[in-house]
Amino acid sequence: MTDAGFARRALALAALALLACAACRPRSDETELDRVEFGVLFGGDIQDRPEIPLLLDPAQQELALRVSFRKEQTRERVVSFELERPTAQRAPDGGISYAAQLGEIRALPGERRAEAKLGFRRGDLPGPWRLLVRLDGRQVLERRFTVVEPTR
């Protein structure tokens, strides 16, 4: 092998290694997020529960979405969410039909988290629910949970 051929191969391998290294690095949004939480608010903490009772009274139960950052934000950050709820109507295929509640919260410069309190509404049904959360348009959480009838 000639010196020029060896140099070309070494350069090609170095370029591939550099590309692989860049692809493995986490995006800045991923490294600046500390946690994305959703669940039942209890004493300031958010309890992640696979089943949540359908309680309408916020004095009995509050749901919360919280996005925490590792450090104070230097610019406004938009956290949008989509809460999918089952409806009484059936889908054309006979399955469950869903309605979506859309919302948005913001983390302002100097803040380390954004939080929203959510709750059930009259007419909400038990069954499978889903929450999608996006930070600046990029999905950071998909959470499926089951809403159940409260025990008496």
N, C-alpha and C. Protein backbone atom coordinates (compact mmCIF):
# COMPACT_ATOMS: atom_id res chain seq x y z
N MET A 1 0.86 -1.17 0.00
CA MET A 1 0.00 0.00 0.00
C MET A 1 0.90 1.23 0.00
N THR A 2 0.52 2.23 -0.80
CA THR A 2 1.32 3.45 -0.88
C THR A 2 1.01 4.35 0.31
N ASP A 3 1.91 5.30 0.52
CA ASP A 3 1.68 6.25 1.62
C ASP A 3 0.43 7.09 1.37
N ALA A 4 0.16 7.44 0.12
CA ALA A 4 -1.03 8.24 -0.19
C ALA A 4 -2.31 7.44 0.06
N GLY A 5 -2.31 6.15 -0.29
CA GLY A 5 -3.48 5.29 -0.05
C GLY A 5 -3.74 5.11 1.44
N PHE A 6 -2.65 4.92 2.18
CA PHE A 6 -2.78 4.77 3.63
C PHE A 6 -3.33 6.05 4.25
N ALA A 7 -2.85 7.19 3.81
CA ALA A 7 -3.30 8.48 4.35
C ALA A 7 -4.78 8.70 4.05
N ARG A 8 -5.22 8.33 2.82
CA ARG A 8 -6.64 8.48 2.47
C ARG A 8 -7.52 7.60 3.35
N ARG A 9 -7.10 6.35 3.57
CA ARG A 9 -7.88 5.45 4.43
C ARG A 9 -7.92 5.94 5.87
N ALA A 10 -6.80 6.41 6.37
CA ALA A 10 -6.75 6.92 7.74
C ALA A 10 -7.65 8.14 7.89
N LEU A 11 -7.63 9.02 6.88
CA LEU A 11 -8.48 10.20 6.90
C LEU A 11 -9.96 9.81 6.85
N ALA A 12 -10.30 8.82 6.03
CA ALA A 12 -11.69 8.36 5.94
C ALA A 12 -12.15 7.76 7.26
N LEU A 13 -11.30 6.97 7.90
CA LEU A 13 -11.65 6.38 9.20
C LEU A 13 -11.82 7.46 10.27
N ALA A 14 -10.97 8.45 10.26
CA ALA A 14 -11.07 9.55 11.23
C ALA A 14 -12.37 10.32 11.02
N ALA A 15 -12.75 10.56 9.78
CA ALA A 15 -14.00 11.26 9.48
C ALA A 15 -15.21 10.45 9.94
N LEU A 16 -15.18 9.14 9.71
CA LEU A 16 -16.28 8.29 10.18
C LEU A 16 -16.38 8.28 11.70
N ALA A 17 -15.24 8.22 12.36
CA ALA A 17 -15.23 8.24 13.84
C ALA A 17 -15.79 9.56 14.35
N LEU A 18 -15.43 10.67 13.71
CA LEU A 18 -15.93 11.97 14.12
C LEU A 18 -17.45 12.07 13.94
N LEU A 19 -17.95 11.55 12.82
CA LEU A 19 -19.40 11.55 12.58
C LEU A 19 -20.11 10.68 13.61
N ALA A 20 -19.56 9.52 13.92
CA ALA A 20 -20.18 8.64 14.90
C ALA A 20 -20.20 9.29 16.27
N CYS A 21 -19.14 9.96 16.62
CA CYS A 21 -19.06 10.63 17.92
C CYS A 21 -20.11 11.75 18.00
N ALA A 22 -20.27 12.52 16.95
CA ALA A 22 -21.24 13.61 16.93
C ALA A 22 -22.66 13.07 17.03
N ALA A 23 -22.93 11.93 16.39
CA ALA A 23 -24.26 11.35 16.43
C ALA A 23 -24.61 10.80 17.81
N CYS A 24 -23.61 10.39 18.58
CA CYS A 24 -23.85 9.82 19.91
C CYS A 24 -24.07 10.88 20.97
N ARG A 25 -23.63 12.09 20.73
CA ARG A 25 -23.77 13.16 21.72
C ARG A 25 -25.23 13.50 21.92
N PRO A 26 -25.69 13.64 23.16
CA PRO A 26 -27.09 14.01 23.37
C PRO A 26 -27.35 15.43 22.89
N ARG A 27 -28.59 15.67 22.44
CA ARG A 27 -28.97 17.02 22.03
C ARG A 27 -29.02 17.90 23.27
N SER A 28 -28.83 19.19 23.08
CA SER A 28 -28.76 20.10 24.23
C SER A 28 -30.05 20.07 25.04
N ASP A 29 -31.24 19.89 24.40
CA ASP A 29 -32.49 19.83 25.13
C ASP A 29 -32.50 18.65 26.09
N GLU A 30 -31.90 17.50 25.66
CA GLU A 30 -31.90 16.31 26.49
C GLU A 30 -31.00 16.49 27.71
N THR A 31 -29.88 17.16 27.55
CA THR A 31 -28.96 17.31 28.67
C THR A 31 -29.43 18.39 29.64
N GLU A 32 -30.23 19.34 29.18
CA GLU A 32 -30.67 20.40 30.09
C GLU A 32 -31.92 20.03 30.87
N LEU A 33 -32.64 18.98 30.44
CA LEU A 33 -33.82 18.53 31.18
C LEU A 33 -33.38 17.70 32.37
N ASP A 34 -33.98 17.98 33.52
CA ASP A 34 -33.73 17.15 34.70
C ASP A 34 -34.78 16.05 34.77
N ARG A 35 -36.07 16.44 34.73
CA ARG A 35 -37.17 15.47 34.80
C ARG A 35 -38.40 16.02 34.10
N VAL A 36 -39.20 15.09 33.59
CA VAL A 36 -40.54 15.41 33.11
C VAL A 36 -41.46 14.46 33.86
N GLU A 37 -42.37 15.03 34.67
CA GLU A 37 -43.21 14.21 35.54
C GLU A 37 -44.69 14.49 35.29
N PHE A 38 -45.49 13.45 35.44
CA PHE A 38 -46.94 13.58 35.39
C PHE A 38 -47.53 12.58 36.38
N GLY A 39 -48.56 13.00 37.10
CA GLY A 39 -49.24 12.08 38.00
C GLY A 39 -50.06 12.83 39.02
N VAL A 40 -50.29 12.17 40.15
CA VAL A 40 -51.10 12.73 41.23
C VAL A 40 -50.21 13.59 42.12
N LEU A 41 -50.63 14.82 42.33
CA LEU A 41 -49.89 15.76 43.18
C LEU A 41 -50.19 15.44 44.64
N PHE A 42 -49.13 15.19 45.40
CA PHE A 42 -49.31 14.82 46.80
C PHE A 42 -48.19 15.46 47.61
N GLY A 43 -48.52 16.48 48.40
CA GLY A 43 -47.52 17.13 49.24
C GLY A 43 -46.38 17.76 48.46
N GLY A 44 -46.66 18.27 47.27
CA GLY A 44 -45.62 18.89 46.45
C GLY A 44 -44.90 17.92 45.54
N ASP A 45 -45.02 16.62 45.79
CA ASP A 45 -44.41 15.61 44.94
C ASP A 45 -45.44 15.10 43.94
N ILE A 46 -44.95 14.58 42.83
CA ILE A 46 -45.84 14.01 41.83
C ILE A 46 -45.66 12.49 41.85
N GLN A 47 -46.75 11.80 42.16
CA GLN A 47 -46.72 10.34 42.22
C GLN A 47 -47.12 9.77 40.87
N ASP A 48 -46.23 8.98 40.29
CA ASP A 48 -46.46 8.33 39.01
C ASP A 48 -47.28 7.07 39.27
N ARG A 49 -48.53 7.07 38.86
CA ARG A 49 -49.41 5.93 39.11
C ARG A 49 -49.93 5.38 37.78
N PRO A 50 -49.92 4.06 37.63
CA PRO A 50 -50.47 3.48 36.39
C PRO A 50 -51.98 3.58 36.33
N GLU A 51 -52.63 3.62 37.51
CA GLU A 51 -54.08 3.79 37.58
C GLU A 51 -54.39 5.01 38.43
N ILE A 52 -55.28 5.85 37.92
CA ILE A 52 -55.66 7.08 38.63
C ILE A 52 -57.17 7.09 38.79
N PRO A 53 -57.67 7.24 40.03
CA PRO A 53 -59.12 7.26 40.23
C PRO A 53 -59.76 8.52 39.66
N LEU A 54 -60.94 8.37 39.12
CA LEU A 54 -61.69 9.46 38.50
C LEU A 54 -62.39 10.29 39.58
N LEU A 55 -61.63 11.17 40.21
CA LEU A 55 -62.15 12.05 41.25
C LEU A 55 -62.25 13.46 40.69
N LEU A 56 -63.45 14.04 40.71
CA LEU A 56 -63.66 15.37 40.13
C LEU A 56 -63.26 16.51 41.07
N ASP A 57 -63.30 16.28 42.36
CA ASP A 57 -63.05 17.33 43.34
C ASP A 57 -61.54 17.55 43.52
N PRO A 58 -61.02 18.74 43.16
CA PRO A 58 -59.58 18.98 43.31
C PRO A 58 -59.11 18.96 44.76
N ALA A 59 -60.05 19.09 45.71
CA ALA A 59 -59.66 18.98 47.13
C ALA A 59 -59.30 17.53 47.48
N GLN A 60 -59.80 16.57 46.69
CA GLN A 60 -59.49 15.16 46.93
C GLN A 60 -58.27 14.70 46.15
N GLN A 61 -58.07 15.27 44.96
CA GLN A 61 -56.97 14.82 44.11
C GLN A 61 -56.69 15.85 43.03
N GLU A 62 -55.40 16.16 42.85
CA GLU A 62 -54.99 17.03 41.75
C GLU A 62 -53.96 16.29 40.91
N LEU A 63 -54.04 16.49 39.62
CA LEU A 63 -53.05 15.94 38.71
C LEU A 63 -52.11 17.07 38.33
N ALA A 64 -50.86 16.74 38.08
CA ALA A 64 -49.89 17.78 37.73
C ALA A 64 -48.93 17.28 36.67
N LEU A 65 -48.49 18.22 35.86
CA LEU A 65 -47.43 18.03 34.88
C LEU A 65 -46.31 18.98 35.28
N ARG A 66 -45.10 18.47 35.41
CA ARG A 66 -43.96 19.30 35.80
C ARG A 66 -42.76 18.97 34.92
N VAL A 67 -42.18 20.02 34.36
CA VAL A 67 -40.95 19.89 33.58
C VAL A 67 -39.86 20.64 34.34
N SER A 68 -38.83 19.93 34.77
CA SER A 68 -37.74 20.52 35.54
C SER A 68 -36.46 20.54 34.72
N PHE A 69 -35.75 21.65 34.79
CA PHE A 69 -34.50 21.83 34.06
C PHE A 69 -33.33 21.75 35.03
N ARG A 70 -32.15 21.39 34.54
CA ARG A 70 -30.96 21.28 35.37
C ARG A 70 -30.49 22.64 35.89
N LYS A 71 -30.76 23.69 35.11
CA LYS A 71 -30.32 25.03 35.54
C LYS A 71 -31.37 26.05 35.11
N GLU A 72 -31.23 27.26 35.63
CA GLU A 72 -32.15 28.34 35.27
C GLU A 72 -32.09 28.58 33.77
N GLN A 73 -33.25 28.85 33.20
CA GLN A 73 -33.34 29.06 31.76
C GLN A 73 -32.89 30.49 31.39
N THR A 74 -32.24 30.59 30.25
CA THR A 74 -31.78 31.89 29.78
C THR A 74 -32.76 32.49 28.78
N ARG A 75 -33.73 31.66 28.33
CA ARG A 75 -34.76 32.15 27.40
C ARG A 75 -36.08 31.46 27.74
N GLU A 76 -37.16 32.01 27.24
CA GLU A 76 -38.47 31.41 27.47
C GLU A 76 -38.55 30.06 26.78
N ARG A 77 -39.09 29.06 27.49
CA ARG A 77 -39.27 27.72 26.94
C ARG A 77 -40.75 27.39 26.94
N VAL A 78 -41.23 26.82 25.86
CA VAL A 78 -42.64 26.49 25.72
C VAL A 78 -42.82 24.98 25.90
N VAL A 79 -43.65 24.62 26.87
CA VAL A 79 -44.01 23.23 27.12
C VAL A 79 -45.47 23.09 26.70
N SER A 80 -45.72 22.29 25.69
CA SER A 80 -47.10 22.06 25.25
C SER A 80 -47.49 20.62 25.60
N PHE A 81 -48.78 20.43 25.84
CA PHE A 81 -49.22 19.08 26.17
C PHE A 81 -50.54 18.79 25.48
N GLU A 82 -50.77 17.50 25.29
CA GLU A 82 -52.00 16.99 24.67
C GLU A 82 -52.47 15.83 25.54
N LEU A 83 -53.62 16.01 26.16
CA LEU A 83 -54.20 14.98 27.03
C LEU A 83 -55.35 14.33 26.28
N GLU A 84 -55.19 13.07 25.92
CA GLU A 84 -56.21 12.33 25.17
C GLU A 84 -57.12 11.60 26.15
N ARG A 85 -58.44 11.86 26.03
CA ARG A 85 -59.45 11.28 26.90
C ARG A 85 -60.41 10.43 26.06
N PRO A 86 -60.85 9.29 26.58
CA PRO A 86 -61.85 8.52 25.83
C PRO A 86 -63.20 9.25 25.86
N THR A 87 -63.98 9.08 24.81
CA THR A 87 -65.31 9.69 24.74
C THR A 87 -66.38 8.59 24.68
N ALA A 88 -67.63 9.00 24.85
CA ALA A 88 -68.74 8.05 24.80
C ALA A 88 -69.01 7.59 23.36
N GLN A 89 -68.58 8.39 22.37
CA GLN A 89 -68.79 8.00 20.98
C GLN A 89 -67.80 6.90 20.61
N ARG A 90 -68.20 6.10 19.66
CA ARG A 90 -67.34 5.02 19.18
C ARG A 90 -66.66 5.45 17.89
N ALA A 91 -65.45 4.97 17.69
CA ALA A 91 -64.73 5.22 16.45
C ALA A 91 -65.41 4.45 15.32
N PRO A 92 -65.16 4.81 14.06
CA PRO A 92 -65.78 4.10 12.94
C PRO A 92 -65.53 2.59 12.94
N ASP A 93 -64.40 2.17 13.49
CA ASP A 93 -64.09 0.74 13.54
C ASP A 93 -64.69 0.07 14.78
N GLY A 94 -65.46 0.84 15.58
CA GLY A 94 -66.09 0.29 16.78
C GLY A 94 -65.22 0.41 18.03
N GLY A 95 -64.01 0.90 17.87
CA GLY A 95 -63.10 1.06 19.01
C GLY A 95 -63.37 2.34 19.78
N ILE A 96 -62.46 2.66 20.66
CA ILE A 96 -62.61 3.85 21.49
C ILE A 96 -62.28 5.10 20.68
N SER A 97 -63.11 6.12 20.84
CA SER A 97 -62.87 7.42 20.22
C SER A 97 -62.29 8.34 21.30
N TYR A 98 -61.39 9.22 20.92
CA TYR A 98 -60.72 10.09 21.88
C TYR A 98 -60.94 11.56 21.54
N ALA A 99 -60.95 12.38 22.58
CA ALA A 99 -60.94 13.84 22.44
C ALA A 99 -59.64 14.32 23.09
N ALA A 100 -59.09 15.37 22.57
CA ALA A 100 -57.81 15.87 23.10
C ALA A 100 -57.99 17.24 23.74
N GLN A 101 -57.40 17.39 24.91
CA GLN A 101 -57.29 18.69 25.57
C GLN A 101 -55.88 19.19 25.30
N LEU A 102 -55.77 20.36 24.70
CA LEU A 102 -54.46 20.93 24.40
C LEU A 102 -54.16 22.03 25.41
N GLY A 103 -52.90 22.13 25.79
CA GLY A 103 -52.50 23.16 26.73
C GLY A 103 -51.05 23.54 26.55
N GLU A 104 -50.69 24.62 27.20
CA GLU A 104 -49.33 25.13 27.07
C GLU A 104 -48.93 25.83 28.38
N ILE A 105 -47.70 25.60 28.80
CA ILE A 105 -47.14 26.31 29.94
C ILE A 105 -45.76 26.80 29.52
N ARG A 106 -45.24 27.76 30.25
CA ARG A 106 -43.96 28.35 29.87
C ARG A 106 -43.01 28.41 31.06
N ALA A 107 -41.75 28.17 30.76
CA ALA A 107 -40.67 28.42 31.73
C ALA A 107 -40.01 29.71 31.28
N LEU A 108 -40.05 30.71 32.12
CA LEU A 108 -39.50 32.02 31.78
C LEU A 108 -38.02 32.09 32.12
N PRO A 109 -37.29 33.06 31.55
CA PRO A 109 -35.88 33.20 31.90
C PRO A 109 -35.71 33.33 33.42
N GLY A 110 -34.76 32.60 33.95
CA GLY A 110 -34.50 32.59 35.39
C GLY A 110 -35.22 31.47 36.13
N GLU A 111 -36.16 30.79 35.48
CA GLU A 111 -36.90 29.70 36.12
C GLU A 111 -36.26 28.36 35.82
N ARG A 112 -36.47 27.40 36.73
CA ARG A 112 -35.93 26.05 36.56
C ARG A 112 -37.01 25.02 36.28
N ARG A 113 -38.29 25.45 36.30
CA ARG A 113 -39.34 24.49 35.98
C ARG A 113 -40.61 25.18 35.51
N ALA A 114 -41.43 24.37 34.85
CA ALA A 114 -42.76 24.79 34.41
C ALA A 114 -43.73 23.74 34.93
N GLU A 115 -44.89 24.18 35.41
CA GLU A 115 -45.82 23.24 36.02
C GLU A 115 -47.26 23.63 35.69
N ALA A 116 -48.09 22.63 35.47
CA ALA A 116 -49.52 22.85 35.24
C ALA A 116 -50.30 21.85 36.07
N LYS A 117 -51.39 22.32 36.66
CA LYS A 117 -52.30 21.44 37.38
C LYS A 117 -53.42 21.07 36.42
N LEU A 118 -53.71 19.79 36.37
CA LEU A 118 -54.76 19.27 35.50
C LEU A 118 -55.80 18.58 36.37
N GLY A 119 -56.94 18.38 35.83
CA GLY A 119 -57.97 17.70 36.60
C GLY A 119 -58.99 17.05 35.69
N PHE A 120 -59.82 16.25 36.31
CA PHE A 120 -60.89 15.61 35.55
C PHE A 120 -62.07 16.57 35.45
N ARG A 121 -62.87 16.36 34.40
CA ARG A 121 -64.06 17.19 34.18
C ARG A 121 -65.30 16.31 34.21
N ARG A 122 -66.43 16.95 34.49
CA ARG A 122 -67.69 16.21 34.43
C ARG A 122 -67.82 15.61 33.04
N GLY A 123 -68.22 14.36 32.99
CA GLY A 123 -68.37 13.67 31.71
C GLY A 123 -67.15 12.86 31.32
N ASP A 124 -66.03 13.03 32.03
CA ASP A 124 -64.85 12.20 31.74
C ASP A 124 -65.16 10.74 32.05
N LEU A 125 -64.56 9.87 31.27
CA LEU A 125 -64.83 8.44 31.39
C LEU A 125 -63.60 7.68 31.86
N PRO A 126 -63.82 6.59 32.58
CA PRO A 126 -62.70 5.71 32.89
C PRO A 126 -62.23 5.03 31.60
N GLY A 127 -61.00 4.55 31.65
CA GLY A 127 -60.45 3.85 30.50
C GLY A 127 -59.01 4.27 30.25
N PRO A 128 -58.48 3.90 29.09
CA PRO A 128 -57.09 4.26 28.76
C PRO A 128 -56.97 5.73 28.33
N TRP A 129 -56.03 6.43 28.92
CA TRP A 129 -55.75 7.83 28.60
C TRP A 129 -54.29 7.92 28.17
N ARG A 130 -53.95 9.06 27.55
CA ARG A 130 -52.56 9.28 27.13
C ARG A 130 -52.22 10.75 27.21
N LEU A 131 -51.00 11.03 27.65
CA LEU A 131 -50.48 12.40 27.72
C LEU A 131 -49.22 12.49 26.88
N LEU A 132 -49.19 13.47 25.99
CA LEU A 132 -47.98 13.77 25.20
C LEU A 132 -47.48 15.14 25.64
N VAL A 133 -46.18 15.25 25.88
CA VAL A 133 -45.58 16.51 26.30
C VAL A 133 -44.46 16.85 25.34
N ARG A 134 -44.44 18.12 24.92
CA ARG A 134 -43.39 18.61 24.01
C ARG A 134 -42.70 19.82 24.61
N LEU A 135 -41.41 19.88 24.44
CA LEU A 135 -40.62 21.05 24.84
C LEU A 135 -40.12 21.71 23.58
N ASP A 136 -40.54 22.94 23.35
CA ASP A 136 -40.16 23.67 22.14
C ASP A 136 -40.43 22.84 20.88
N GLY A 137 -41.56 22.11 20.89
CA GLY A 137 -41.98 21.34 19.71
C GLY A 137 -41.43 19.93 19.64
N ARG A 138 -40.51 19.55 20.51
CA ARG A 138 -39.91 18.20 20.49
C ARG A 138 -40.52 17.37 21.62
N GLN A 139 -41.01 16.16 21.28
CA GLN A 139 -41.64 15.31 22.28
C GLN A 139 -40.64 14.88 23.34
N VAL A 140 -41.02 15.07 24.62
CA VAL A 140 -40.15 14.68 25.73
C VAL A 140 -40.81 13.66 26.65
N LEU A 141 -42.12 13.41 26.46
CA LEU A 141 -42.81 12.42 27.28
C LEU A 141 -44.05 11.92 26.57
N GLU A 142 -44.25 10.63 26.60
CA GLU A 142 -45.53 10.01 26.23
C GLU A 142 -45.88 9.11 27.40
N ARG A 143 -46.99 9.38 28.03
CA ARG A 143 -47.37 8.65 29.24
C ARG A 143 -48.78 8.10 29.07
N ARG A 144 -48.90 6.79 29.12
CA ARG A 144 -50.20 6.12 29.07
C ARG A 144 -50.57 5.71 30.49
N PHE A 145 -51.84 5.90 30.83
CA PHE A 145 -52.31 5.52 32.16
C PHE A 145 -53.79 5.16 32.04
N THR A 146 -54.30 4.52 33.07
CA THR A 146 -55.69 4.09 33.09
C THR A 146 -56.44 4.87 34.17
N VAL A 147 -57.55 5.45 33.78
CA VAL A 147 -58.42 6.12 34.73
C VAL A 147 -59.47 5.11 35.17
N VAL A 148 -59.64 4.97 36.49
CA VAL A 148 -60.55 3.96 37.02
C VAL A 148 -61.63 4.62 37.89
N GLU A 149 -62.74 3.94 38.05
CA GLU A 149 -63.80 4.40 38.95
C GLU A 149 -63.22 4.44 40.36
N PRO A 150 -63.56 5.50 41.13
CA PRO A 150 -63.03 5.57 42.50
C PRO A 150 -63.67 4.50 43.38
N THR A 151 -62.89 4.03 44.33
CA THR A 151 -63.44 3.07 45.30
C THR A 151 -64.17 3.86 46.37
N ARG A 152 -65.21 3.35 46.85
CA ARG A 152 -66.04 4.05 47.84
C ARG A 152 -65.56 3.79 49.24
